[in-house]
Amino acid sequence: MILEIRTYRLHPGTRAEFLRVMTEEAIPLLLKAGIDVVAAGPSLYNEDGDEEAVLMRAFGSLEQLAEQEDAFYSSEAWLTGPRAAIVGPIVQYHSIVLDVPVAVVEGLRKPY
């Protein structure tokens, strides 16, 4: 299974609203688009004092990751929905993509 771990460094004072929009608006859209959201939330440690958050998603293959992301991020629902509220607070983001056993994904999974 392919596990994508995306970290977000956010502008100061924006994390609570960023996570609210992610949880209440963006994650439901991701799920509706068929993207497997494993977990999301605040970082327990903020490097250099910056506010940070994480989003973990699972895919069956790298090809599926690329196809689903392309479809989602070009969709009308994303572009006219929570995109601005998600992108605005981000200073930078970084993705790590790993090939892991299904048990790892299930061990990290939070209900959405």
Protein backbone atom coordinates (compact mmCIF):
# COMPACT_ATOMS: atom_id res chain seq x y z
CA MET A 1 0.00 0.00 0.00
CA ILE A 2 1.21 3.51 -0.77
CA LEU A 3 1.13 5.89 2.19
CA GLU A 4 1.50 9.61 1.57
CA ILE A 5 2.41 11.72 4.59
CA ARG A 6 1.95 15.41 3.84
CA THR A 7 3.19 17.96 6.36
CA TYR A 8 2.15 21.59 6.38
CA ARG A 9 4.03 24.53 7.87
CA LEU A 10 1.47 27.23 8.55
CA HIS A 11 1.44 30.96 9.14
CA PRO A 12 1.33 31.78 12.87
CA GLY A 13 -2.12 31.73 14.39
CA THR A 14 -3.79 29.87 11.49
CA ARG A 15 -3.58 26.22 12.53
CA ALA A 16 -6.91 25.96 14.38
CA GLU A 17 -8.89 27.34 11.44
CA PHE A 18 -6.82 25.37 8.92
CA LEU A 19 -7.60 22.14 10.78
CA ARG A 20 -11.27 23.05 11.12
CA VAL A 21 -11.58 23.58 7.37
CA MET A 22 -9.56 20.45 6.66
CA THR A 23 -11.73 18.31 8.95
CA GLU A 24 -15.14 19.79 8.15
CA GLU A 25 -14.75 20.60 4.45
CA ALA A 26 -11.64 19.19 2.72
CA ILE A 27 -11.62 15.66 4.17
CA PRO A 28 -15.28 15.05 3.29
CA LEU A 29 -14.49 16.13 -0.30
CA LEU A 30 -11.45 13.85 -0.42
CA LEU A 31 -13.53 10.92 0.82
CA LYS A 32 -16.31 11.69 -1.67
CA ALA A 33 -13.67 11.64 -4.43
CA GLY A 34 -12.63 8.15 -3.30
CA ILE A 35 -9.35 9.19 -1.67
CA ASP A 36 -8.54 7.14 1.43
CA VAL A 37 -7.81 9.61 4.24
CA VAL A 38 -5.91 7.75 6.95
CA ALA A 39 -5.34 10.54 9.49
CA ALA A 40 -5.00 14.29 9.86
CA GLY A 41 -4.32 16.70 12.66
CA PRO A 42 -1.89 19.00 14.41
CA SER A 43 1.75 18.16 14.93
CA LEU A 44 2.60 17.57 18.57
CA TYR A 45 5.96 19.23 17.93
CA ASN A 46 6.36 22.47 16.03
CA GLU A 47 9.80 22.74 14.48
CA ASP A 48 11.36 26.18 14.96
CA GLY A 49 8.17 27.28 16.75
CA ASP A 50 6.12 27.21 13.53
CA GLU A 51 2.59 25.82 13.56
CA GLU A 52 2.39 22.53 11.68
CA ALA A 53 -0.17 19.93 10.65
CA VAL A 54 -0.25 16.59 8.85
CA LEU A 55 -2.47 14.73 6.39
CA MET A 56 -1.97 11.01 5.67
CA ARG A 57 -3.61 9.32 2.69
CA ALA A 58 -3.40 5.78 1.31
CA PHE A 59 -3.43 4.59 -2.30
CA GLY A 60 -3.22 1.25 -4.04
CA SER A 61 -0.36 2.38 -6.28
CA LEU A 62 1.68 5.41 -7.30
CA GLU A 63 -0.43 5.59 -10.45
CA GLN A 64 -3.62 5.72 -8.39
CA LEU A 65 -2.12 8.49 -6.23
CA ALA A 66 -1.31 10.58 -9.32
CA GLU A 67 -4.69 9.96 -10.98
CA GLN A 68 -6.77 10.67 -7.88
CA GLU A 69 -4.79 13.78 -6.94
CA ASP A 70 -4.99 15.17 -10.48
CA ALA A 71 -8.75 14.58 -10.59
CA PHE A 72 -9.36 15.98 -7.12
CA TYR A 73 -7.22 19.11 -7.35
CA SER A 74 -8.72 20.05 -10.73
CA SER A 75 -12.32 19.43 -9.58
CA GLU A 76 -14.88 22.20 -9.34
CA ALA A 77 -15.74 21.06 -5.80
CA TRP A 78 -12.15 21.73 -4.65
CA LEU A 79 -11.53 24.88 -6.68
CA THR A 80 -14.74 26.60 -5.61
CA GLY A 81 -14.86 24.97 -2.17
CA PRO A 82 -12.27 24.94 0.61
CA ARG A 83 -9.18 25.46 -1.60
CA ALA A 84 -8.54 29.10 -0.64
CA ALA A 85 -9.06 28.43 3.08
CA ILE A 86 -6.62 25.50 2.92
CA VAL A 87 -3.95 27.00 0.67
CA GLY A 88 -3.92 30.48 2.26
CA PRO A 89 -2.40 29.52 5.63
CA ILE A 90 0.30 27.27 4.14
CA VAL A 91 3.86 28.59 4.22
CA GLN A 92 5.14 25.35 2.70
CA TYR A 93 4.23 21.70 2.50
CA HIS A 94 6.20 18.54 1.94
CA SER A 95 5.08 15.04 0.97
CA ILE A 96 6.76 11.75 1.79
CA VAL A 97 5.48 8.69 -0.07
CA LEU A 98 6.19 5.22 1.33
CA ASP A 99 5.37 1.66 0.32
CA VAL A 100 4.09 0.08 3.55
CA PRO A 101 2.12 -2.99 4.63
CA VAL A 102 -1.64 -2.56 4.95
CA ALA A 103 -1.26 -3.18 8.71
CA VAL A 104 0.78 0.03 9.01
CA VAL A 105 -1.96 2.05 7.36
CA GLU A 106 -4.63 0.43 9.51
CA GLY A 107 -2.57 1.08 12.64
CA LEU A 108 -2.45 4.80 11.81
CA ARG A 109 -6.06 5.10 10.71
CA LYS A 110 -8.48 7.47 12.44
CA PRO A 111 -12.20 7.32 11.69
CA TYR A 112 -13.61 9.94 9.31
